[in-house]
Structures are given as structure tokens and as C-alpha cells.
Amino acid sequence: MTADLVERVWVQVAARLNVPVVPLEASGRHVHLSCADADVLLGAGVPLTRVRSLSQPGQFACAEKVRVIGPKGEFPAVTVIGPERAYTQVELSATDALALGVKPPLRMSGSVAGSPGLTLAGPAGQVTLPEGAVIAQRHIHMDLGFGARFGFHDGQVVAVRVWGDRGLTFDNVVIRLSPDFTTYMHIDHDEANACGFRSGLLGTIIT
């Protein structure tokens, strides 16, 4: 029996047994900008240009890209994710961080205190961040209905079993529960490579 067939059979069994199964998404390096930093980098009052809506309501990938510069290297065209936030944050994988020459902490998105800074350059200017580079903790965005159905709560830490040719179990997955979320698990590209990620890949939550 192939790994793909095992996965398809398990998904059918999980549905019958009412087991929590979540779709996975792989998130590449990206930048969230504050309004003030967006004005410096892109030009005062220049709006972000929506290219593609993301799975989480209201979030979108932008046409605008910025250069991310570290002590050892740089990435010339990193996607900006909209809308603007109250802070600027650069989300990297561990491999990205090595290439840039920084050592970001493993954090939930938005927790940037004490993290290393980087320099961002855009078509209109440049910003040197005192902090803001993080490696995102693997997590599940979860809607309230899904959480109530299976008894999950915000901040709960679970494991997620992923099936397929390179199946594995992700430990230390944090649940983020909100009425504003759609249920998806987010991993970075290092984690995606480890589990043989492909579009439509599913995981089973283990408590």
C-alpha cells in the first residue's frame, strides 16, 4: 500500500470516527509592515496592492516586495503580506536565518521583543529595524466551531501527525482559536521539506 493510499484511507476513517483532521499550508519568508515603515519603504500614502487572498480572512499577498538585508547576506525580493500592522515583522525559516547571519527566536507571530533586527529596503527608502526577525512557531489557526467540536482551546499545545511518503509527527503545535480564523495549520518551508509537503496535505491532531 502506497503512502498516498494510506493517507486517503486514513482521511476517510478519520471522518467516520470524528477525528480532527486539518489541512496544512507552507508559508515562505515574508514581511509584515507597519504603516510608518510602509511609507518609508514604498512611498508616503502608497497603498498595498492585493495580488492574492490568503486562507485567513482579510490577509493577502501583495505585489510589493522588499529587500531583506542581514549581516551575512540578503534576499532581494521578499513578499509583503497585507494589511499593514502596528509593528514590522520579518518571518524566516531557520535556513533563511543562517543565510542572513542572524539568530531569530522561535516565536508566535507578533512576539518580537528582544528579537534581532534587519535592514529592509524598498523602492522609496530604507529602514533598519531594532528588532522584528522571528522564526514562526508552528501553529494552527482554528475557527470556533472546529474548536468547540473537538474541545480545543486557545493556546493549547498539540501534536499533528502528517501522512505521506515522508510522514512524520510535528510536536509543539500551538492552537490559535478565533472567530476570525479559518482552520489551517501553518508550517515554514524547512518543515514543509521535512514532511514532503504538497498542496492538499492533511494532518491529524493528536492530544
N, C-alpha and C. Protein backbone atom coordinates (compact mmCIF):
# COMPACT_ATOMS: atom_id res chain seq x y z
N MET A 1 0.85 -1.19 0.00
CA MET A 1 0.00 0.00 0.00
C MET A 1 0.88 1.25 0.00
N THR A 2 0.67 2.17 -0.97
CA THR A 2 1.49 3.36 -1.05
C THR A 2 1.15 4.36 0.06
N ALA A 3 2.09 5.30 0.30
CA ALA A 3 1.85 6.31 1.33
C ALA A 3 0.63 7.16 1.00
N ASP A 4 0.43 7.48 -0.30
CA ASP A 4 -0.73 8.27 -0.69
C ASP A 4 -2.02 7.53 -0.40
N LEU A 5 -2.03 6.23 -0.67
CA LEU A 5 -3.23 5.45 -0.42
C LEU A 5 -3.51 5.34 1.08
N VAL A 6 -2.44 5.18 1.88
CA VAL A 6 -2.60 5.16 3.34
C VAL A 6 -3.24 6.45 3.81
N GLU A 7 -2.77 7.58 3.25
CA GLU A 7 -3.32 8.88 3.65
C GLU A 7 -4.80 8.98 3.29
N ARG A 8 -5.17 8.58 2.08
CA ARG A 8 -6.56 8.70 1.66
C ARG A 8 -7.47 7.81 2.51
N VAL A 9 -6.99 6.61 2.80
CA VAL A 9 -7.78 5.72 3.64
C VAL A 9 -7.94 6.29 5.03
N TRP A 10 -6.83 6.85 5.59
CA TRP A 10 -6.92 7.39 6.94
C TRP A 10 -7.86 8.58 7.01
N VAL A 11 -7.85 9.44 6.01
CA VAL A 11 -8.76 10.59 5.99
C VAL A 11 -10.21 10.12 6.02
N GLN A 12 -10.51 9.08 5.26
CA GLN A 12 -11.88 8.55 5.26
C GLN A 12 -12.25 7.96 6.62
N VAL A 13 -11.31 7.23 7.21
CA VAL A 13 -11.55 6.65 8.54
C VAL A 13 -11.72 7.74 9.58
N ALA A 14 -10.86 8.78 9.51
CA ALA A 14 -10.92 9.88 10.47
C ALA A 14 -12.27 10.58 10.41
N ALA A 15 -12.79 10.76 9.19
CA ALA A 15 -14.09 11.41 9.05
C ALA A 15 -15.18 10.58 9.70
N ARG A 16 -15.12 9.27 9.54
CA ARG A 16 -16.13 8.39 10.13
C ARG A 16 -16.04 8.38 11.66
N LEU A 17 -14.80 8.47 12.17
CA LEU A 17 -14.58 8.40 13.62
C LEU A 17 -14.63 9.77 14.28
N ASN A 18 -14.87 10.81 13.50
CA ASN A 18 -14.92 12.18 14.02
C ASN A 18 -13.58 12.59 14.65
N VAL A 19 -12.50 12.32 13.92
CA VAL A 19 -11.14 12.66 14.34
C VAL A 19 -10.76 14.01 13.74
N PRO A 20 -10.10 14.90 14.51
CA PRO A 20 -9.74 16.23 13.99
C PRO A 20 -8.63 16.18 12.95
N VAL A 21 -8.98 16.46 11.71
CA VAL A 21 -8.04 16.49 10.60
C VAL A 21 -7.97 17.92 10.06
N VAL A 22 -6.74 18.43 9.87
CA VAL A 22 -6.58 19.81 9.42
C VAL A 22 -5.73 19.87 8.15
N PRO A 23 -6.04 20.78 7.23
CA PRO A 23 -5.17 20.99 6.07
C PRO A 23 -3.94 21.79 6.47
N LEU A 24 -2.83 21.53 5.79
CA LEU A 24 -1.58 22.24 6.05
C LEU A 24 -1.29 23.25 4.96
N GLU A 25 -0.66 24.34 5.35
CA GLU A 25 -0.15 25.32 4.40
C GLU A 25 1.31 25.61 4.74
N ALA A 26 2.13 25.74 3.71
CA ALA A 26 3.55 26.08 3.88
C ALA A 26 3.74 27.57 3.61
N SER A 27 4.32 28.25 4.58
CA SER A 27 4.49 29.70 4.49
C SER A 27 5.96 30.04 4.29
N GLY A 28 6.27 30.69 3.17
CA GLY A 28 7.63 31.12 2.90
C GLY A 28 7.97 32.39 3.64
N ARG A 29 9.23 32.81 3.54
CA ARG A 29 9.66 34.05 4.18
C ARG A 29 8.78 35.21 3.72
N HIS A 30 8.41 36.09 4.64
CA HIS A 30 7.58 37.23 4.28
C HIS A 30 7.72 38.33 5.33
N VAL A 31 7.17 39.48 4.99
CA VAL A 31 7.30 40.67 5.84
C VAL A 31 5.92 41.26 6.09
N HIS A 32 5.67 41.62 7.35
CA HIS A 32 4.51 42.43 7.72
C HIS A 32 5.03 43.83 8.02
N LEU A 33 4.42 44.85 7.45
CA LEU A 33 4.90 46.22 7.62
C LEU A 33 3.94 47.05 8.46
N SER A 34 4.51 47.92 9.27
CA SER A 34 3.71 48.96 9.93
C SER A 34 3.42 50.04 8.90
N CYS A 35 2.43 50.87 9.18
CA CYS A 35 2.11 51.97 8.26
C CYS A 35 3.29 52.91 8.09
N ALA A 36 3.98 53.21 9.19
CA ALA A 36 5.11 54.14 9.14
C ALA A 36 6.23 53.58 8.29
N ASP A 37 6.56 52.30 8.48
CA ASP A 37 7.64 51.70 7.69
C ASP A 37 7.24 51.53 6.23
N ALA A 38 5.96 51.23 5.98
CA ALA A 38 5.49 51.13 4.60
C ALA A 38 5.64 52.46 3.87
N ASP A 39 5.36 53.56 4.56
CA ASP A 39 5.51 54.88 3.95
C ASP A 39 6.96 55.14 3.56
N VAL A 40 7.90 54.74 4.42
CA VAL A 40 9.32 54.96 4.12
C VAL A 40 9.78 54.07 2.97
N LEU A 41 9.39 52.81 3.01
CA LEU A 41 9.89 51.84 2.03
C LEU A 41 9.22 51.97 0.67
N LEU A 42 7.92 52.21 0.67
CA LEU A 42 7.15 52.17 -0.58
C LEU A 42 6.74 53.55 -1.09
N GLY A 43 6.79 54.54 -0.21
CA GLY A 43 6.35 55.88 -0.57
C GLY A 43 5.17 56.30 0.28
N ALA A 44 5.17 57.53 0.74
CA ALA A 44 4.13 58.02 1.63
C ALA A 44 2.75 57.90 0.98
N GLY A 45 1.85 57.21 1.69
CA GLY A 45 0.48 57.08 1.21
C GLY A 45 0.26 56.06 0.11
N VAL A 46 1.31 55.36 -0.30
CA VAL A 46 1.15 54.36 -1.36
C VAL A 46 0.47 53.12 -0.78
N PRO A 47 -0.69 52.72 -1.31
CA PRO A 47 -1.40 51.57 -0.73
C PRO A 47 -0.76 50.24 -1.15
N LEU A 48 -0.94 49.25 -0.31
CA LEU A 48 -0.51 47.90 -0.67
C LEU A 48 -1.42 47.36 -1.77
N THR A 49 -0.85 46.64 -2.73
CA THR A 49 -1.58 46.12 -3.86
C THR A 49 -1.88 44.64 -3.65
N ARG A 50 -3.16 44.30 -3.49
CA ARG A 50 -3.55 42.91 -3.27
C ARG A 50 -3.34 42.11 -4.56
N VAL A 51 -2.59 41.01 -4.44
CA VAL A 51 -2.38 40.10 -5.56
C VAL A 51 -3.17 38.82 -5.37
N ARG A 52 -3.18 38.32 -4.13
CA ARG A 52 -3.82 37.03 -3.86
C ARG A 52 -4.30 37.00 -2.42
N SER A 53 -5.56 36.64 -2.24
CA SER A 53 -6.09 36.48 -0.88
C SER A 53 -5.52 35.20 -0.27
N LEU A 54 -5.26 35.25 1.03
CA LEU A 54 -4.73 34.10 1.75
C LEU A 54 -5.86 33.38 2.48
N SER A 55 -5.55 32.25 3.08
CA SER A 55 -6.60 31.44 3.71
C SER A 55 -7.24 32.12 4.90
N GLN A 56 -6.47 32.98 5.61
CA GLN A 56 -7.03 33.67 6.76
C GLN A 56 -7.75 34.92 6.30
N PRO A 57 -9.00 35.10 6.69
CA PRO A 57 -9.81 36.22 6.21
C PRO A 57 -9.12 37.57 6.41
N GLY A 58 -9.12 38.37 5.36
CA GLY A 58 -8.55 39.71 5.41
C GLY A 58 -7.07 39.77 5.11
N GLN A 59 -6.37 38.64 5.09
CA GLN A 59 -4.94 38.62 4.81
C GLN A 59 -4.69 38.43 3.32
N PHE A 60 -3.67 39.09 2.78
CA PHE A 60 -3.40 38.96 1.35
C PHE A 60 -1.92 39.16 1.04
N ALA A 61 -1.46 38.48 -0.01
CA ALA A 61 -0.12 38.69 -0.53
C ALA A 61 -0.14 39.91 -1.44
N CYS A 62 0.91 40.70 -1.35
CA CYS A 62 0.97 41.97 -2.08
C CYS A 62 1.91 41.89 -3.28
N ALA A 63 1.68 42.77 -4.22
CA ALA A 63 2.61 42.91 -5.33
C ALA A 63 3.93 43.49 -4.86
N GLU A 64 3.88 44.31 -3.81
CA GLU A 64 5.08 44.96 -3.31
C GLU A 64 6.02 43.96 -2.64
N LYS A 65 7.29 44.12 -2.90
CA LYS A 65 8.33 43.30 -2.28
C LYS A 65 9.43 44.20 -1.75
N VAL A 66 10.13 43.72 -0.73
CA VAL A 66 11.23 44.49 -0.16
C VAL A 66 12.48 43.63 -0.09
N ARG A 67 13.62 44.31 -0.05
CA ARG A 67 14.89 43.61 0.12
C ARG A 67 15.17 43.47 1.61
N VAL A 68 15.50 42.26 2.04
CA VAL A 68 15.81 41.99 3.44
C VAL A 68 17.32 41.76 3.55
N ILE A 69 17.99 42.60 4.36
CA ILE A 69 19.44 42.61 4.41
C ILE A 69 19.91 42.24 5.81
N GLY A 70 20.77 41.24 5.90
CA GLY A 70 21.33 40.81 7.17
C GLY A 70 22.83 41.02 7.20
N PRO A 71 23.48 40.64 8.30
CA PRO A 71 24.93 40.81 8.43
C PRO A 71 25.74 40.01 7.41
N LYS A 72 25.22 38.85 6.97
CA LYS A 72 25.98 37.98 6.08
C LYS A 72 25.42 37.89 4.67
N GLY A 73 24.15 38.17 4.50
CA GLY A 73 23.53 38.01 3.19
C GLY A 73 22.23 38.76 3.10
N GLU A 74 21.53 38.59 1.99
CA GLU A 74 20.27 39.28 1.79
C GLU A 74 19.36 38.48 0.87
N PHE A 75 18.07 38.80 0.93
CA PHE A 75 17.08 38.29 0.00
C PHE A 75 16.54 39.49 -0.77
N PRO A 76 16.63 39.49 -2.10
CA PRO A 76 16.33 40.70 -2.86
C PRO A 76 14.86 41.04 -3.03
N ALA A 77 13.96 40.08 -2.89
CA ALA A 77 12.55 40.35 -3.19
C ALA A 77 11.66 39.49 -2.31
N VAL A 78 11.39 39.99 -1.10
CA VAL A 78 10.58 39.25 -0.13
C VAL A 78 9.16 39.82 -0.15
N THR A 79 8.19 38.92 -0.20
CA THR A 79 6.79 39.33 -0.32
C THR A 79 6.31 40.04 0.94
N VAL A 80 5.56 41.11 0.73
CA VAL A 80 4.87 41.81 1.81
C VAL A 80 3.47 41.23 1.95
N ILE A 81 3.07 40.98 3.21
CA ILE A 81 1.72 40.48 3.49
C ILE A 81 0.89 41.61 4.08
N GLY A 82 -0.27 41.85 3.52
CA GLY A 82 -1.15 42.91 4.00
C GLY A 82 -2.30 42.35 4.82
N PRO A 83 -3.01 43.23 5.51
CA PRO A 83 -2.83 44.68 5.56
C PRO A 83 -1.69 45.07 6.50
N GLU A 84 -1.46 46.38 6.60
CA GLU A 84 -0.42 46.86 7.49
C GLU A 84 -0.75 46.49 8.95
N ARG A 85 0.29 46.38 9.76
CA ARG A 85 0.13 46.05 11.17
C ARG A 85 0.67 47.19 12.04
N ALA A 86 0.54 47.01 13.33
CA ALA A 86 1.05 48.01 14.27
C ALA A 86 2.56 47.94 14.39
N TYR A 87 3.17 46.88 13.88
CA TYR A 87 4.61 46.66 14.01
C TYR A 87 5.10 46.03 12.71
N THR A 88 6.41 46.09 12.49
CA THR A 88 7.02 45.42 11.35
C THR A 88 7.68 44.14 11.82
N GLN A 89 7.44 43.06 11.09
CA GLN A 89 7.95 41.74 11.48
C GLN A 89 8.42 41.01 10.24
N VAL A 90 9.57 40.36 10.35
CA VAL A 90 10.12 39.54 9.27
C VAL A 90 10.08 38.09 9.72
N GLU A 91 9.31 37.25 9.02
CA GLU A 91 9.20 35.84 9.39
C GLU A 91 10.09 35.01 8.47
N LEU A 92 10.99 34.24 9.09
CA LEU A 92 12.01 33.49 8.38
C LEU A 92 11.96 32.02 8.77
N SER A 93 12.55 31.17 7.95
CA SER A 93 12.85 29.81 8.37
C SER A 93 14.25 29.81 8.98
N ALA A 94 14.61 28.71 9.63
CA ALA A 94 15.96 28.60 10.21
C ALA A 94 17.02 28.67 9.11
N THR A 95 16.73 28.09 7.96
CA THR A 95 17.67 28.15 6.83
C THR A 95 17.84 29.57 6.33
N ASP A 96 16.73 30.32 6.24
CA ASP A 96 16.81 31.73 5.86
C ASP A 96 17.70 32.50 6.82
N ALA A 97 17.50 32.26 8.12
CA ALA A 97 18.25 32.99 9.14
C ALA A 97 19.75 32.75 9.01
N LEU A 98 20.14 31.50 8.72
CA LEU A 98 21.55 31.20 8.52
C LEU A 98 22.12 31.98 7.34
N ALA A 99 21.34 32.06 6.27
CA ALA A 99 21.80 32.79 5.08
C ALA A 99 21.98 34.27 5.36
N LEU A 100 21.12 34.83 6.22
CA LEU A 100 21.21 36.26 6.55
C LEU A 100 22.26 36.54 7.63
N GLY A 101 22.58 35.53 8.43
CA GLY A 101 23.55 35.72 9.51
C GLY A 101 22.95 36.24 10.79
N VAL A 102 21.68 35.86 11.06
CA VAL A 102 21.01 36.27 12.30
C VAL A 102 20.50 35.02 13.02
N LYS A 103 20.18 35.19 14.31
CA LYS A 103 19.67 34.08 15.11
C LYS A 103 18.33 34.47 15.74
N PRO A 104 17.27 34.41 14.95
CA PRO A 104 15.96 34.79 15.48
C PRO A 104 15.44 33.75 16.47
N PRO A 105 14.63 34.20 17.44
CA PRO A 105 13.99 33.25 18.34
C PRO A 105 12.81 32.58 17.67
N LEU A 106 12.42 31.43 18.22
CA LEU A 106 11.20 30.75 17.79
C LEU A 106 10.05 31.38 18.54
N ARG A 107 9.15 32.05 17.84
CA ARG A 107 8.10 32.84 18.48
C ARG A 107 6.77 32.70 17.75
N MET A 108 5.70 32.98 18.49
CA MET A 108 4.42 33.18 17.84
C MET A 108 4.45 34.54 17.15
N SER A 109 3.73 34.64 16.04
CA SER A 109 3.69 35.88 15.30
C SER A 109 3.24 37.03 16.20
N GLY A 110 3.97 38.14 16.11
CA GLY A 110 3.65 39.31 16.92
C GLY A 110 4.51 39.46 18.15
N SER A 111 5.22 38.40 18.54
CA SER A 111 6.08 38.46 19.72
C SER A 111 7.51 38.72 19.26
N VAL A 112 7.85 40.00 19.12
CA VAL A 112 9.15 40.36 18.54
C VAL A 112 10.11 40.96 19.56
N ALA A 113 9.69 41.16 20.79
CA ALA A 113 10.55 41.80 21.79
C ALA A 113 11.84 41.01 21.97
N GLY A 114 12.97 41.69 21.85
CA GLY A 114 14.27 41.06 22.05
C GLY A 114 14.78 40.29 20.86
N SER A 115 14.04 40.28 19.77
CA SER A 115 14.49 39.57 18.57
C SER A 115 15.50 40.44 17.80
N PRO A 116 16.33 39.83 16.95
CA PRO A 116 17.30 40.64 16.20
C PRO A 116 16.62 41.50 15.15
N GLY A 117 17.30 42.57 14.79
CA GLY A 117 16.80 43.45 13.75
C GLY A 117 17.43 43.13 12.40
N LEU A 118 16.86 43.69 11.36
CA LEU A 118 17.36 43.56 10.00
C LEU A 118 17.15 44.89 9.29
N THR A 119 17.74 45.03 8.12
CA THR A 119 17.51 46.21 7.30
C THR A 119 16.59 45.85 6.14
N LEU A 120 15.58 46.67 5.91
CA LEU A 120 14.66 46.49 4.80
C LEU A 120 14.86 47.64 3.82
N ALA A 121 14.86 47.32 2.54
CA ALA A 121 14.99 48.34 1.51
C ALA A 121 13.88 48.18 0.49
N GLY A 122 13.24 49.31 0.15
CA GLY A 122 12.17 49.30 -0.84
C GLY A 122 12.45 50.33 -1.92
N PRO A 123 11.52 50.52 -2.84
CA PRO A 123 11.75 51.46 -3.94
C PRO A 123 11.85 52.91 -3.50
N ALA A 124 11.32 53.23 -2.30
CA ALA A 124 11.33 54.63 -1.87
C ALA A 124 12.30 54.92 -0.74
N GLY A 125 12.83 53.89 -0.09
CA GLY A 125 13.71 54.17 1.04
C GLY A 125 14.12 52.90 1.77
N GLN A 126 14.75 53.11 2.92
CA GLN A 126 15.33 52.01 3.69
C GLN A 126 15.02 52.19 5.17
N VAL A 127 14.80 51.07 5.86
CA VAL A 127 14.51 51.08 7.29
C VAL A 127 15.40 50.04 7.97
N THR A 128 16.04 50.44 9.06
CA THR A 128 16.80 49.49 9.87
C THR A 128 16.00 49.21 11.13
N LEU A 129 15.57 47.96 11.28
CA LEU A 129 14.72 47.57 12.41
C LEU A 129 15.57 47.26 13.64
N PRO A 130 15.21 47.77 14.81
CA PRO A 130 15.92 47.40 16.03
C PRO A 130 15.60 45.97 16.46
N GLU A 131 14.44 45.47 16.06
CA GLU A 131 14.01 44.10 16.33
C GLU A 131 12.93 43.73 15.34
N GLY A 132 12.59 42.44 15.26
CA GLY A 132 11.49 42.08 14.37
C GLY A 132 11.68 40.79 13.59
N ALA A 133 12.88 40.17 13.62
CA ALA A 133 13.10 38.93 12.89
C ALA A 133 12.77 37.73 13.78
N VAL A 134 11.86 36.87 13.34
CA VAL A 134 11.48 35.69 14.12
C VAL A 134 11.35 34.48 13.20
N ILE A 135 11.49 33.30 13.82
CA ILE A 135 11.09 32.05 13.19
C ILE A 135 9.74 31.70 13.79
N ALA A 136 8.74 31.54 12.95
CA ALA A 136 7.37 31.36 13.44
C ALA A 136 7.19 29.97 14.06
N GLN A 137 6.66 29.96 15.27
CA GLN A 137 6.27 28.70 15.91
C GLN A 137 5.18 28.04 15.08
N ARG A 138 5.33 26.75 14.80
CA ARG A 138 4.26 26.07 14.04
C ARG A 138 2.96 26.15 14.82
N HIS A 139 1.88 26.39 14.12
CA HIS A 139 0.62 26.68 14.79
C HIS A 139 -0.57 26.31 13.91
N ILE A 140 -1.74 26.26 14.54
CA ILE A 140 -2.99 26.01 13.83
C ILE A 140 -3.90 27.21 14.04
N HIS A 141 -4.27 27.88 12.96
CA HIS A 141 -5.36 28.84 13.00
C HIS A 141 -6.65 28.03 13.04
N MET A 142 -7.49 28.26 14.04
CA MET A 142 -8.67 27.41 14.21
C MET A 142 -9.91 28.25 14.45
N ASP A 143 -10.98 27.93 13.71
CA ASP A 143 -12.24 28.63 13.91
C ASP A 143 -12.94 28.08 15.15
N LEU A 144 -13.88 28.85 15.69
CA LEU A 144 -14.53 28.48 16.95
C LEU A 144 -15.34 27.20 16.83
N GLY A 145 -15.98 26.98 15.69
CA GLY A 145 -16.78 25.79 15.52
C GLY A 145 -15.94 24.52 15.57
N PHE A 146 -14.79 24.54 14.90
CA PHE A 146 -13.90 23.38 14.92
C PHE A 146 -13.39 23.14 16.34
N GLY A 147 -13.00 24.23 17.01
CA GLY A 147 -12.51 24.09 18.37
C GLY A 147 -13.55 23.52 19.31
N ALA A 148 -14.78 24.00 19.21
CA ALA A 148 -15.85 23.51 20.08
C ALA A 148 -16.18 22.06 19.78
N ARG A 149 -16.14 21.68 18.52
CA ARG A 149 -16.48 20.31 18.13
C ARG A 149 -15.55 19.29 18.77
N PHE A 150 -14.25 19.67 18.87
CA PHE A 150 -13.27 18.72 19.37
C PHE A 150 -12.71 19.08 20.75
N GLY A 151 -13.22 20.15 21.35
CA GLY A 151 -12.81 20.50 22.70
C GLY A 151 -11.46 21.15 22.82
N PHE A 152 -11.01 21.87 21.77
CA PHE A 152 -9.72 22.56 21.83
C PHE A 152 -9.90 23.96 22.40
N HIS A 153 -8.82 24.51 22.96
CA HIS A 153 -8.86 25.87 23.49
C HIS A 153 -7.66 26.66 23.01
N ASP A 154 -7.79 27.97 23.02
CA ASP A 154 -6.73 28.86 22.55
C ASP A 154 -5.47 28.67 23.39
N GLY A 155 -4.33 28.56 22.73
CA GLY A 155 -3.06 28.38 23.41
C GLY A 155 -2.71 26.94 23.71
N GLN A 156 -3.63 26.02 23.45
CA GLN A 156 -3.36 24.60 23.69
C GLN A 156 -2.23 24.12 22.78
N VAL A 157 -1.35 23.27 23.31
CA VAL A 157 -0.24 22.71 22.54
C VAL A 157 -0.55 21.25 22.22
N VAL A 158 -0.49 20.91 20.94
CA VAL A 158 -0.84 19.57 20.48
C VAL A 158 0.26 19.04 19.57
N ALA A 159 0.12 17.79 19.16
CA ALA A 159 0.95 17.21 18.11
C ALA A 159 0.07 16.98 16.88
N VAL A 160 0.69 16.97 15.72
CA VAL A 160 -0.04 16.74 14.48
C VAL A 160 0.70 15.69 13.66
N ARG A 161 0.01 14.59 13.36
CA ARG A 161 0.57 13.53 12.54
C ARG A 161 0.28 13.81 11.08
N VAL A 162 1.33 13.83 10.27
CA VAL A 162 1.21 14.07 8.83
C VAL A 162 1.54 12.78 8.10
N TRP A 163 0.69 12.41 7.16
CA TRP A 163 0.88 11.18 6.41
C TRP A 163 1.54 11.48 5.07
N GLY A 164 1.93 10.44 4.35
CA GLY A 164 2.56 10.60 3.05
C GLY A 164 3.90 9.90 3.00
N ASP A 165 4.63 10.08 1.90
CA ASP A 165 5.91 9.41 1.70
C ASP A 165 6.94 9.78 2.76
N ARG A 166 6.85 11.00 3.29
CA ARG A 166 7.79 11.45 4.33
C ARG A 166 7.02 11.79 5.60
N GLY A 167 6.03 10.98 5.89
CA GLY A 167 5.18 11.23 7.06
C GLY A 167 5.96 11.37 8.34
N LEU A 168 5.48 12.23 9.21
CA LEU A 168 6.12 12.48 10.50
C LEU A 168 5.09 13.08 11.45
N THR A 169 5.51 13.25 12.70
CA THR A 169 4.66 13.91 13.69
C THR A 169 5.30 15.21 14.12
N PHE A 170 4.56 16.31 13.97
CA PHE A 170 5.00 17.61 14.45
C PHE A 170 4.56 17.77 15.90
N ASP A 171 5.52 17.95 16.82
CA ASP A 171 5.20 18.26 18.21
C ASP A 171 5.15 19.77 18.41
N ASN A 172 4.66 20.18 19.58
CA ASN A 172 4.69 21.60 19.97
C ASN A 172 3.99 22.50 18.96
N VAL A 173 2.79 22.10 18.56
CA VAL A 173 1.96 22.90 17.66
C VAL A 173 0.96 23.67 18.51
N VAL A 174 0.96 24.99 18.39
CA VAL A 174 0.12 25.84 19.21
C VAL A 174 -1.20 26.14 18.49
N ILE A 175 -2.30 25.97 19.19
CA ILE A 175 -3.61 26.30 18.63
C ILE A 175 -3.92 27.77 18.88
N ARG A 176 -4.31 28.46 17.83
CA ARG A 176 -4.75 29.85 17.93
C ARG A 176 -6.23 29.86 17.53
N LEU A 177 -7.08 30.06 18.51
CA LEU A 177 -8.52 29.95 18.31
C LEU A 177 -9.14 31.34 18.22
N SER A 178 -9.93 31.57 17.17
CA SER A 178 -10.54 32.89 16.99
C SER A 178 -11.71 32.81 16.02
N PRO A 179 -12.74 33.64 16.23
CA PRO A 179 -13.83 33.70 15.25
C PRO A 179 -13.37 34.27 13.91
N ASP A 180 -12.19 34.89 13.89
CA ASP A 180 -11.67 35.49 12.66
C ASP A 180 -10.83 34.53 11.83
N PHE A 181 -10.64 33.30 12.31
CA PHE A 181 -9.76 32.37 11.63
C PHE A 181 -10.52 31.32 10.82
N THR A 182 -9.83 30.80 9.81
CA THR A 182 -10.23 29.60 9.09
C THR A 182 -9.24 28.51 9.47
N THR A 183 -9.69 27.28 9.68
CA THR A 183 -8.83 26.24 10.23
C THR A 183 -7.79 25.74 9.22
N TYR A 184 -6.53 26.08 9.50
CA TYR A 184 -5.37 25.62 8.74
C TYR A 184 -4.18 25.54 9.69
N MET A 185 -3.30 24.57 9.46
CA MET A 185 -2.02 24.53 10.17
C MET A 185 -0.97 25.17 9.29
N HIS A 186 -0.14 26.03 9.89
CA HIS A 186 0.91 26.71 9.16
C HIS A 186 2.29 26.21 9.57
N ILE A 187 3.09 25.85 8.58
CA ILE A 187 4.47 25.44 8.78
C ILE A 187 5.35 26.26 7.85
N ASP A 188 6.65 26.35 8.16
CA ASP A 188 7.55 27.08 7.27
C ASP A 188 8.15 26.11 6.24
N HIS A 189 9.00 26.63 5.37
CA HIS A 189 9.50 25.81 4.27
C HIS A 189 10.47 24.73 4.73
N ASP A 190 11.21 24.95 5.81
CA ASP A 190 12.05 23.89 6.35
C ASP A 190 11.18 22.71 6.79
N GLU A 191 10.11 23.01 7.51
CA GLU A 191 9.20 21.96 7.98
C GLU A 191 8.48 21.30 6.80
N ALA A 192 8.15 22.11 5.79
CA ALA A 192 7.48 21.57 4.62
C ALA A 192 8.38 20.58 3.88
N ASN A 193 9.65 20.91 3.75
CA ASN A 193 10.58 19.99 3.10
C ASN A 193 10.73 18.70 3.89
N ALA A 194 10.70 18.81 5.22
CA ALA A 194 10.87 17.63 6.07
C ALA A 194 9.73 16.64 5.91
N CYS A 195 8.50 17.14 5.68
CA CYS A 195 7.34 16.25 5.62
C CYS A 195 6.87 15.99 4.19
N GLY A 196 7.66 16.42 3.19
CA GLY A 196 7.26 16.19 1.81
C GLY A 196 5.98 16.92 1.45
N PHE A 197 5.87 18.17 1.87
CA PHE A 197 4.63 18.93 1.68
C PHE A 197 4.22 19.00 0.21
N ARG A 198 2.91 18.93 0.01
CA ARG A 198 2.30 19.16 -1.29
C ARG A 198 0.94 19.79 -1.04
N SER A 199 0.41 20.45 -2.02
CA SER A 199 -0.91 21.06 -1.88
C SER A 199 -1.95 20.01 -1.53
N GLY A 200 -2.76 20.31 -0.53
CA GLY A 200 -3.80 19.39 -0.09
C GLY A 200 -3.37 18.45 1.01
N LEU A 201 -2.13 18.55 1.49
CA LEU A 201 -1.66 17.66 2.55
C LEU A 201 -2.45 17.91 3.83
N LEU A 202 -2.79 16.82 4.51
CA LEU A 202 -3.60 16.89 5.75
C LEU A 202 -2.83 16.33 6.92
N GLY A 203 -3.19 16.79 8.10
CA GLY A 203 -2.62 16.27 9.34
C GLY A 203 -3.72 15.95 10.33
N THR A 204 -3.43 15.01 11.21
CA THR A 204 -4.37 14.61 12.25
C THR A 204 -3.88 15.14 13.59
N ILE A 205 -4.73 15.90 14.29
CA ILE A 205 -4.35 16.47 15.59
C ILE A 205 -4.38 15.39 16.65
N ILE A 206 -3.29 15.31 17.41
CA ILE A 206 -3.17 14.34 18.49
C ILE A 206 -3.00 15.10 19.79
N THR A 207 -3.84 14.80 20.78
CA THR A 207 -3.73 15.47 22.07
C THR A 207 -3.05 14.56 23.07
